[in-house]
Amino acid sequence: MNPILGRIWSVWVAVVFMGVYLPLFPFYALFLAIGGKVERFGCHVLNQIWGYLFLALIFVRVKTVRNARLKHWTPYVFVGNHRSFMDIPATAVVLPFIRYLGKEELTKIPLFGYTYRRLHVVVNRADKDARKKSMEICDKAVKRGDSIFLFPEGTTKRASEFLTRELYDGAFVLAVNNQVPLVPITTIFSDKVISNDGRFLMRPFVAVTVVIDEPIPTAGLTHADIPGLKARVVALWQKNLAPYYPGLPVAPPPKAEG
């Protein structure tokens, strides 16, 4: 898309983002104030409403490939590849209730930031202590029965980084420590909706595909099994992405973090 048209469309996307969210904010605030099951169910419904309306109004279609049927209100640790912000609404509309581990920068958006901080887990990636605290919050959430969605490779911006970064241990440690299934999620073409070159130019008329693979059991596994879990997840991502991204780099076998 022409850069000027892309910038104009990006402004429209920002208007839609807040325009859809603002009428829902009082209900988010109410459900968050009540907490418990009401918060989980109510905010899940609101997330679905917001996601479907937002995506429809910016002309982005989400297709789902379900290789597994997941149970609602059963804790999972979801691990997804990450190419752009669009990964979040695309996965939110097709998955059960989840809490994302997300960037602290999103909390700076007026009103939306309040909901995001209360509903999800926020991390300051530049602060080691903050990263540790965020994982402790994730651990508590899983123990009370919530599912957590993490992007263990971070956001990849350059083609050379695509599936070649060493994955962070956090999601895998979380799943093993709590003995809950690890669910690989592959998002395809989210990078075509928003440029991942730092310009944040938006494009309409894109079909984003979300692949939900079979949960990987972690019962009986230990931290020594984490490199193997990483390898299985990366192999699934590569298998799902390869038909859509010619010349996809082959990731090296994951190494255990020191």
C-alpha atoms as a PDB file:
ATOM      1  CA  MET A   1       0.000   0.000   0.000  1.00  0.00           C
ATOM      2  CA  ASN A   2       1.107   3.562  -0.737  1.00  0.00           C
ATOM      3  CA  PRO A   3       2.728   5.018   2.445  1.00  0.00           C
ATOM      4  CA  ILE A   4       0.362   8.017   2.472  1.00  0.00           C
ATOM      5  CA  LEU A   5      -2.701   5.790   2.123  1.00  0.00           C
ATOM      6  CA  GLY A   6      -1.210   3.471   4.704  1.00  0.00           C
ATOM      7  CA  ARG A   7      -0.863   6.341   7.175  1.00  0.00           C
ATOM      8  CA  ILE A   8      -4.445   7.471   6.535  1.00  0.00           C
ATOM      9  CA  TRP A   9      -5.670   3.930   7.060  1.00  0.00           C
ATOM     10  CA  SER A  10      -3.613   3.676  10.258  1.00  0.00           C
ATOM     11  CA  VAL A  11      -5.450   6.726  11.627  1.00  0.00           C
ATOM     12  CA  TRP A  12      -8.753   5.043  10.801  1.00  0.00           C
ATOM     13  CA  VAL A  13      -7.623   1.883  12.611  1.00  0.00           C
ATOM     14  CA  ALA A  14      -6.748   3.931  15.709  1.00  0.00           C
ATOM     15  CA  VAL A  15     -10.181   5.606  15.609  1.00  0.00           C
ATOM     16  CA  VAL A  16     -11.901   2.220  15.293  1.00  0.00           C
ATOM     17  CA  PHE A  17      -9.738   0.758  18.070  1.00  0.00           C
ATOM     18  CA  MET A  18     -10.966   3.325  20.594  1.00  0.00           C
ATOM     19  CA  GLY A  19     -14.392   3.797  19.035  1.00  0.00           C
ATOM     20  CA  VAL A  20     -15.256   0.147  19.584  1.00  0.00           C
ATOM     21  CA  TYR A  21     -13.609  -0.008  23.002  1.00  0.00           C
ATOM     22  CA  LEU A  22     -15.103   3.116  24.639  1.00  0.00           C
ATOM     23  CA  PRO A  23     -18.753   1.915  24.759  1.00  0.00           C
ATOM     24  CA  LEU A  24     -17.538  -1.337  26.323  1.00  0.00           C
ATOM     25  CA  PHE A  25     -15.334   0.286  28.956  1.00  0.00           C
ATOM     26  CA  PRO A  26     -18.064   0.745  31.643  1.00  0.00           C
ATOM     27  CA  PHE A  27     -18.867  -2.977  31.403  1.00  0.00           C
ATOM     28  CA  TYR A  28     -15.182  -3.921  31.608  1.00  0.00           C
ATOM     29  CA  ALA A  29     -14.846  -1.712  34.697  1.00  0.00           C
ATOM     30  CA  LEU A  30     -17.924  -3.317  36.268  1.00  0.00           C
ATOM     31  CA  PHE A  31     -16.791  -6.890  35.676  1.00  0.00           C
ATOM     32  CA  LEU A  32     -13.263  -6.127  36.872  1.00  0.00           C
ATOM     33  CA  ALA A  33     -14.679  -4.581  40.050  1.00  0.00           C
ATOM     34  CA  ILE A  34     -16.763  -7.710  40.731  1.00  0.00           C
ATOM     35  CA  GLY A  35     -13.904 -10.083  40.007  1.00  0.00           C
ATOM     36  CA  GLY A  36     -13.944 -13.882  40.149  1.00  0.00           C
ATOM     37  CA  LYS A  37     -16.005 -15.883  37.670  1.00  0.00           C
ATOM     38  CA  VAL A  38     -18.044 -12.834  36.727  1.00  0.00           C
ATOM     39  CA  GLU A  39     -14.853 -11.043  35.663  1.00  0.00           C
ATOM     40  CA  ARG A  40     -13.633 -14.033  33.661  1.00  0.00           C
ATOM     41  CA  PHE A  41     -16.903 -14.703  31.842  1.00  0.00           C
ATOM     42  CA  GLY A  42     -17.906 -11.072  31.370  1.00  0.00           C
ATOM     43  CA  CYS A  43     -14.528  -9.871  30.130  1.00  0.00           C
ATOM     44  CA  HIS A  44     -14.227 -12.882  27.835  1.00  0.00           C
ATOM     45  CA  VAL A  45     -17.522 -11.947  26.174  1.00  0.00           C
ATOM     46  CA  LEU A  46     -16.422  -8.303  25.918  1.00  0.00           C
ATOM     47  CA  ASN A  47     -13.078  -9.344  24.426  1.00  0.00           C
ATOM     48  CA  GLN A  48     -14.925 -11.334  21.779  1.00  0.00           C
ATOM     49  CA  ILE A  49     -17.276  -8.444  20.971  1.00  0.00           C
ATOM     50  CA  TRP A  50     -14.424  -5.937  20.805  1.00  0.00           C
ATOM     51  CA  GLY A  51     -12.231  -8.236  18.723  1.00  0.00           C
ATOM     52  CA  TYR A  52     -14.846  -9.168  16.139  1.00  0.00           C
ATOM     53  CA  LEU A  53     -16.059  -5.589  15.671  1.00  0.00           C
ATOM     54  CA  PHE A  54     -12.546  -4.138  15.522  1.00  0.00           C
ATOM     55  CA  LEU A  55     -11.336  -6.685  12.978  1.00  0.00           C
ATOM     56  CA  ALA A  56     -14.474  -6.383  10.853  1.00  0.00           C
ATOM     57  CA  LEU A  57     -14.257  -2.583  10.691  1.00  0.00           C
ATOM     58  CA  ILE A  58     -10.608  -2.650   9.602  1.00  0.00           C
ATOM     59  CA  PHE A  59     -11.378  -5.379   7.039  1.00  0.00           C
ATOM     60  CA  VAL A  60      -9.275  -8.133   8.577  1.00  0.00           C
ATOM     61  CA  ARG A  61     -10.645 -11.658   8.454  1.00  0.00           C
ATOM     62  CA  VAL A  62      -9.532 -14.374  10.869  1.00  0.00           C
ATOM     63  CA  LYS A  63      -9.526 -17.983   9.740  1.00  0.00           C
ATOM     64  CA  THR A  64      -9.068 -20.735  12.301  1.00  0.00           C
ATOM     65  CA  VAL A  65      -7.471 -24.143  11.847  1.00  0.00           C
ATOM     66  CA  ARG A  66      -8.453 -26.215  14.866  1.00  0.00           C
ATOM     67  CA  ASN A  67      -6.242 -29.258  15.241  1.00  0.00           C
ATOM     68  CA  ALA A  68      -7.513 -29.503  18.809  1.00  0.00           C
ATOM     69  CA  ARG A  69     -10.684 -28.720  20.732  1.00  0.00           C
ATOM     70  CA  LEU A  70      -9.842 -26.860  23.909  1.00  0.00           C
ATOM     71  CA  LYS A  71     -11.885 -26.895  27.083  1.00  0.00           C
ATOM     72  CA  HIS A  72     -13.229 -23.627  28.413  1.00  0.00           C
ATOM     73  CA  TRP A  73     -12.171 -22.662  31.932  1.00  0.00           C
ATOM     74  CA  THR A  74      -9.349 -25.213  31.926  1.00  0.00           C
ATOM     75  CA  PRO A  75      -5.896 -23.726  32.516  1.00  0.00           C
ATOM     76  CA  TYR A  76      -3.447 -23.856  29.622  1.00  0.00           C
ATOM     77  CA  VAL A  77      -0.207 -22.098  28.820  1.00  0.00           C
ATOM     78  CA  PHE A  78      -0.465 -20.844  25.239  1.00  0.00           C
ATOM     79  CA  VAL A  79       2.723 -20.126  23.306  1.00  0.00           C
ATOM     80  CA  GLY A  80       2.501 -18.189  20.048  1.00  0.00           C
ATOM     81  CA  ASN A  81       4.858 -16.881  17.406  1.00  0.00           C
ATOM     82  CA  HIS A  82       4.812 -13.091  17.361  1.00  0.00           C
ATOM     83  CA  ARG A  83       4.963 -10.848  14.299  1.00  0.00           C
ATOM     84  CA  SER A  84       2.812  -7.839  15.207  1.00  0.00           C
ATOM     85  CA  PHE A  85       0.273  -6.344  17.610  1.00  0.00           C
ATOM     86  CA  MET A  86      -2.443  -7.934  15.459  1.00  0.00           C
ATOM     87  CA  ASP A  87      -1.571 -11.333  16.948  1.00  0.00           C
ATOM     88  CA  ILE A  88      -3.522 -10.346  20.070  1.00  0.00           C
ATOM     89  CA  PRO A  89      -6.996  -9.575  18.640  1.00  0.00           C
ATOM     90  CA  ALA A  90      -6.633 -12.408  16.107  1.00  0.00           C
ATOM     91  CA  THR A  91      -6.043 -14.993  18.834  1.00  0.00           C
ATOM     92  CA  ALA A  92      -8.419 -13.445  21.384  1.00  0.00           C
ATOM     93  CA  VAL A  93     -11.460 -14.026  19.182  1.00  0.00           C
ATOM     94  CA  VAL A  94     -10.789 -17.741  18.630  1.00  0.00           C
ATOM     95  CA  LEU A  95      -9.504 -18.930  22.019  1.00  0.00           C
ATOM     96  CA  PRO A  96     -11.141 -19.497  25.410  1.00  0.00           C
ATOM     97  CA  PHE A  97     -10.656 -16.896  28.164  1.00  0.00           C
ATOM     98  CA  ILE A  98      -6.970 -16.020  28.419  1.00  0.00           C
ATOM     99  CA  ARG A  99      -4.717 -13.498  30.087  1.00  0.00           C
ATOM    100  CA  TYR A 100      -1.843 -12.232  27.959  1.00  0.00           C
ATOM    101  CA  LEU A 101       1.634 -11.431  29.152  1.00  0.00           C
ATOM    102  CA  GLY A 102       2.002  -8.108  27.376  1.00  0.00           C
ATOM    103  CA  LYS A 103       4.111  -5.006  26.996  1.00  0.00           C
ATOM    104  CA  GLU A 104       3.921  -2.295  29.625  1.00  0.00           C
ATOM    105  CA  GLU A 105       3.633   0.292  26.831  1.00  0.00           C
ATOM    106  CA  LEU A 106       0.016  -0.745  26.189  1.00  0.00           C
ATOM    107  CA  THR A 107      -1.001   0.486  29.646  1.00  0.00           C
ATOM    108  CA  LYS A 108      -0.318   4.057  28.509  1.00  0.00           C
ATOM    109  CA  ILE A 109      -3.361   4.045  26.191  1.00  0.00           C
ATOM    110  CA  PRO A 110      -6.111   6.046  27.975  1.00  0.00           C
ATOM    111  CA  LEU A 111      -8.826   3.848  29.556  1.00  0.00           C
ATOM    112  CA  PHE A 112      -7.719   0.821  27.540  1.00  0.00           C
ATOM    113  CA  GLY A 113      -4.545   0.793  29.620  1.00  0.00           C
ATOM    114  CA  TYR A 114      -6.602   0.517  32.819  1.00  0.00           C
ATOM    115  CA  THR A 115      -8.432  -2.541  31.518  1.00  0.00           C
ATOM    116  CA  TYR A 116      -5.277  -4.067  30.108  1.00  0.00           C
ATOM    117  CA  ARG A 117      -3.367  -3.745  33.379  1.00  0.00           C
ATOM    118  CA  ARG A 118      -6.213  -5.245  35.403  1.00  0.00           C
ATOM    119  CA  LEU A 119      -7.123  -8.062  33.030  1.00  0.00           C
ATOM    120  CA  HIS A 120      -3.733  -9.179  31.760  1.00  0.00           C
ATOM    121  CA  VAL A 121      -0.169  -9.428  33.059  1.00  0.00           C
ATOM    122  CA  VAL A 122       2.088  -6.496  32.246  1.00  0.00           C
ATOM    123  CA  VAL A 123       5.851  -6.760  31.876  1.00  0.00           C
ATOM    124  CA  ASN A 124       8.622  -4.192  31.632  1.00  0.00           C
ATOM    125  CA  ARG A 125      11.000  -6.118  29.404  1.00  0.00           C
ATOM    126  CA  ALA A 126      13.952  -3.859  30.233  1.00  0.00           C
ATOM    127  CA  ASP A 127      13.773  -4.587  33.968  1.00  0.00           C
ATOM    128  CA  LYS A 128      14.960  -8.035  35.101  1.00  0.00           C
ATOM    129  CA  ASP A 129      13.188  -7.780  38.464  1.00  0.00           C
ATOM    130  CA  ALA A 130       9.963  -6.683  36.755  1.00  0.00           C
ATOM    131  CA  ARG A 131      10.182  -9.671  34.397  1.00  0.00           C
ATOM    132  CA  LYS A 132      10.570 -11.998  37.371  1.00  0.00           C
ATOM    133  CA  LYS A 133       7.598 -10.429  39.145  1.00  0.00           C
ATOM    134  CA  SER A 134       5.414 -10.721  36.039  1.00  0.00           C
ATOM    135  CA  MET A 135       6.154 -14.452  35.858  1.00  0.00           C
ATOM    136  CA  GLU A 136       5.192 -14.798  39.515  1.00  0.00           C
ATOM    137  CA  ILE A 137       1.865 -13.153  38.683  1.00  0.00           C
ATOM    138  CA  CYS A 138       1.411 -15.564  35.769  1.00  0.00           C
ATOM    139  CA  ASP A 139       2.123 -18.467  38.095  1.00  0.00           C
ATOM    140  CA  LYS A 140      -0.562 -17.319  40.544  1.00  0.00           C
ATOM    141  CA  ALA A 141      -3.042 -16.883  37.678  1.00  0.00           C
ATOM    142  CA  VAL A 142      -2.482 -20.440  36.424  1.00  0.00           C
ATOM    143  CA  LYS A 143      -2.808 -21.814  39.957  1.00  0.00           C
ATOM    144  CA  ARG A 144      -6.253 -20.224  40.286  1.00  0.00           C
ATOM    145  CA  GLY A 145      -7.343 -21.770  37.000  1.00  0.00           C
ATOM    146  CA  ASP A 146      -6.623 -19.084  34.388  1.00  0.00           C
ATOM    147  CA  SER A 147      -4.916 -19.623  31.041  1.00  0.00           C
ATOM    148  CA  ILE A 148      -1.910 -17.490  30.118  1.00  0.00           C
ATOM    149  CA  PHE A 149      -0.739 -16.570  26.617  1.00  0.00           C
ATOM    150  CA  LEU A 150       2.952 -15.775  26.122  1.00  0.00           C
ATOM    151  CA  PHE A 151       5.102 -14.967  23.089  1.00  0.00           C
ATOM    152  CA  PRO A 152       8.403 -16.683  23.979  1.00  0.00           C
ATOM    153  CA  GLU A 153      10.361 -15.317  20.999  1.00  0.00           C
ATOM    154  CA  GLY A 154       9.349 -11.682  21.556  1.00  0.00           C
ATOM    155  CA  THR A 155       8.296  -9.575  18.556  1.00  0.00           C
ATOM    156  CA  THR A 156      10.322 -10.370  15.439  1.00  0.00           C
ATOM    157  CA  LYS A 157      10.777  -7.367  13.156  1.00  0.00           C
ATOM    158  CA  ARG A 158      13.312  -8.508  10.594  1.00  0.00           C
ATOM    159  CA  ALA A 159      13.045 -11.484   8.276  1.00  0.00           C
ATOM    160  CA  SER A 160      16.397 -12.701   9.559  1.00  0.00           C
ATOM    161  CA  GLU A 161      14.879 -13.066  13.030  1.00  0.00           C
ATOM    162  CA  PHE A 162      11.877 -15.076  11.870  1.00  0.00           C
ATOM    163  CA  LEU A 163      11.926 -18.306  13.921  1.00  0.00           C
ATOM    164  CA  THR A 164      15.651 -18.042  14.595  1.00  0.00           C
ATOM    165  CA  ARG A 165      15.592 -16.341  17.982  1.00  0.00           C
ATOM    166  CA  GLU A 166      16.295 -18.345  21.099  1.00  0.00           C
ATOM    167  CA  LEU A 167      13.000 -18.739  22.962  1.00  0.00           C
ATOM    168  CA  TYR A 168      12.659 -17.429  26.485  1.00  0.00           C
ATOM    169  CA  ASP A 169      12.167 -20.109  29.137  1.00  0.00           C
ATOM    170  CA  GLY A 170       9.304 -18.411  31.011  1.00  0.00           C
ATOM    171  CA  ALA A 171       6.300 -20.013  29.289  1.00  0.00           C
ATOM    172  CA  PHE A 172       7.820 -23.482  29.462  1.00  0.00           C
ATOM    173  CA  VAL A 173       8.832 -23.149  33.097  1.00  0.00           C
ATOM    174  CA  LEU A 174       5.301 -21.937  33.867  1.00  0.00           C
ATOM    175  CA  ALA A 175       3.726 -24.978  32.195  1.00  0.00           C
ATOM    176  CA  VAL A 176       6.124 -27.488  33.768  1.00  0.00           C
ATOM    177  CA  ASN A 177       5.946 -25.991  37.260  1.00  0.00           C
ATOM    178  CA  ASN A 178       2.158 -26.141  37.217  1.00  0.00           C
ATOM    179  CA  GLN A 179       1.937 -29.382  35.207  1.00  0.00           C
ATOM    180  CA  VAL A 180      -0.595 -27.839  32.811  1.00  0.00           C
ATOM    181  CA  PRO A 181      -0.733 -28.463  29.041  1.00  0.00           C
ATOM    182  CA  LEU A 182       1.276 -26.271  26.689  1.00  0.00           C
ATOM    183  CA  VAL A 183      -0.693 -25.224  23.595  1.00  0.00           C
ATOM    184  CA  PRO A 184       1.249 -24.089  20.492  1.00  0.00           C
ATOM    185  CA  ILE A 185      -0.487 -21.320  18.524  1.00  0.00           C
ATOM    186  CA  THR A 186       0.663 -20.257  15.055  1.00  0.00           C
ATOM    187  CA  THR A 187      -0.484 -16.899  13.655  1.00  0.00           C
ATOM    188  CA  ILE A 188      -0.021 -16.446   9.918  1.00  0.00           C
ATOM    189  CA  PHE A 189       0.036 -13.123   8.020  1.00  0.00           C
ATOM    190  CA  SER A 190      -0.507 -10.851  11.042  1.00  0.00           C
ATOM    191  CA  ASP A 191       2.611  -9.067   9.771  1.00  0.00           C
ATOM    192  CA  LYS A 192       0.728  -8.165   6.582  1.00  0.00           C
ATOM    193  CA  VAL A 193      -1.899  -6.213   8.550  1.00  0.00           C
ATOM    194  CA  ILE A 194       0.620  -3.935  10.250  1.00  0.00           C
ATOM    195  CA  SER A 195       4.138  -3.255   9.089  1.00  0.00           C
ATOM    196  CA  ASN A 196       6.735  -4.563  11.526  1.00  0.00           C
ATOM    197  CA  ASP A 197       9.390  -2.097  10.396  1.00  0.00           C
ATOM    198  CA  GLY A 198       8.660   0.515  13.070  1.00  0.00           C
ATOM    199  CA  ARG A 199       6.373   2.642  10.853  1.00  0.00           C
ATOM    200  CA  PHE A 200       3.164   0.875  12.013  1.00  0.00           C
ATOM    201  CA  LEU A 201       1.434   1.260   8.658  1.00  0.00           C
ATOM    202  CA  MET A 202      -1.848  -0.659   8.511  1.00  0.00           C
ATOM    203  CA  ARG A 203      -3.268  -2.585   5.559  1.00  0.00           C
ATOM    204  CA  PRO A 204      -6.866  -3.724   4.963  1.00  0.00           C
ATOM    205  CA  PHE A 205      -8.220  -6.843   3.253  1.00  0.00           C
ATOM    206  CA  VAL A 206      -5.894  -9.348   4.898  1.00  0.00           C
ATOM    207  CA  ALA A 207      -6.862 -12.847   6.023  1.00  0.00           C
ATOM    208  CA  VAL A 208      -5.008 -13.856   9.206  1.00  0.00           C
ATOM    209  CA  THR A 209      -4.925 -17.567   9.979  1.00  0.00           C
ATOM    210  CA  VAL A 210      -4.663 -18.897  13.539  1.00  0.00           C
ATOM    211  CA  VAL A 211      -3.636 -22.541  13.926  1.00  0.00           C
ATOM    212  CA  ILE A 212      -4.475 -24.219  17.246  1.00  0.00           C
ATOM    213  CA  ASP A 213      -2.425 -27.366  17.726  1.00  0.00           C
ATOM    214  CA  GLU A 214      -2.914 -30.221  20.158  1.00  0.00           C
ATOM    215  CA  PRO A 215      -1.958 -29.425  23.760  1.00  0.00           C
ATOM    216  CA  ILE A 216       1.396 -30.859  24.786  1.00  0.00           C
ATOM    217  CA  PRO A 217       1.057 -32.613  28.174  1.00  0.00           C
ATOM    218  CA  THR A 218       3.584 -31.602  30.808  1.00  0.00           C
ATOM    219  CA  ALA A 219       2.547 -34.030  33.559  1.00  0.00           C
ATOM    220  CA  GLY A 220       5.675 -35.637  34.960  1.00  0.00           C
ATOM    221  CA  LEU A 221       8.044 -33.323  33.075  1.00  0.00           C
ATOM    222  CA  THR A 222      10.843 -31.371  34.749  1.00  0.00           C
ATOM    223  CA  HIS A 223      13.001 -28.383  33.813  1.00  0.00           C
ATOM    224  CA  ALA A 224      15.367 -30.814  32.082  1.00  0.00           C
ATOM    225  CA  ASP A 225      12.613 -31.390  29.496  1.00  0.00           C
ATOM    226  CA  ILE A 226      12.269 -27.704  28.577  1.00  0.00           C
ATOM    227  CA  PRO A 227      14.702 -27.772  25.591  1.00  0.00           C
ATOM    228  CA  GLY A 228      12.655 -30.616  24.123  1.00  0.00           C
ATOM    229  CA  LEU A 229       9.402 -28.682  24.642  1.00  0.00           C
ATOM    230  CA  LYS A 230      10.910 -25.677  22.881  1.00  0.00           C
ATOM    231  CA  ALA A 231      11.991 -27.848  19.958  1.00  0.00           C
ATOM    232  CA  ARG A 232       8.483 -29.318  19.581  1.00  0.00           C
ATOM    233  CA  VAL A 233       6.868 -25.874  19.595  1.00  0.00           C
ATOM    234  CA  VAL A 234       9.297 -24.417  17.048  1.00  0.00           C
ATOM    235  CA  ALA A 235       8.867 -27.469  14.802  1.00  0.00           C
ATOM    236  CA  LEU A 236       5.080 -26.966  14.813  1.00  0.00           C
ATOM    237  CA  TRP A 237       5.443 -23.252  14.050  1.00  0.00           C
ATOM    238  CA  GLN A 238       7.767 -24.052  11.153  1.00  0.00           C
ATOM    239  CA  LYS A 239       5.416 -26.723   9.790  1.00  0.00           C
ATOM    240  CA  ASN A 240       2.430 -24.350   9.883  1.00  0.00           C
ATOM    241  CA  LEU A 241       4.265 -21.316   8.508  1.00  0.00           C
ATOM    242  CA  ALA A 242       6.328 -22.952   5.763  1.00  0.00           C
ATOM    243  CA  PRO A 243       3.535 -23.122   3.116  1.00  0.00           C
ATOM    244  CA  TYR A 244       2.923 -19.364   3.449  1.00  0.00           C
ATOM    245  CA  TYR A 245       6.467 -18.019   3.823  1.00  0.00           C
ATOM    246  CA  PRO A 246       8.819 -19.271   1.061  1.00  0.00           C
ATOM    247  CA  GLY A 247      12.410 -19.490   2.214  1.00  0.00           C
ATOM    248  CA  LEU A 248      11.446 -19.635   5.883  1.00  0.00           C
ATOM    249  CA  PRO A 249      14.638 -19.931   7.961  1.00  0.00           C
ATOM    250  CA  VAL A 250      15.198 -23.198   9.761  1.00  0.00           C
ATOM    251  CA  ALA A 251      15.563 -22.545  13.452  1.00  0.00           C
ATOM    252  CA  PRO A 252      18.497 -24.092  15.293  1.00  0.00           C
ATOM    253  CA  PRO A 253      17.671 -26.563  18.084  1.00  0.00           C
ATOM    254  CA  PRO A 254      16.688 -24.532  21.187  1.00  0.00           C
ATOM    255  CA  LYS A 255      19.259 -24.382  23.961  1.00  0.00           C
ATOM    256  CA  ALA A 256      18.555 -24.329  27.662  1.00  0.00           C
ATOM    257  CA  GLU A 257      18.988 -20.870  29.134  1.00  0.00           C
ATOM    258  CA  GLY A 258      21.717 -20.499  31.688  1.00  0.00           C
END
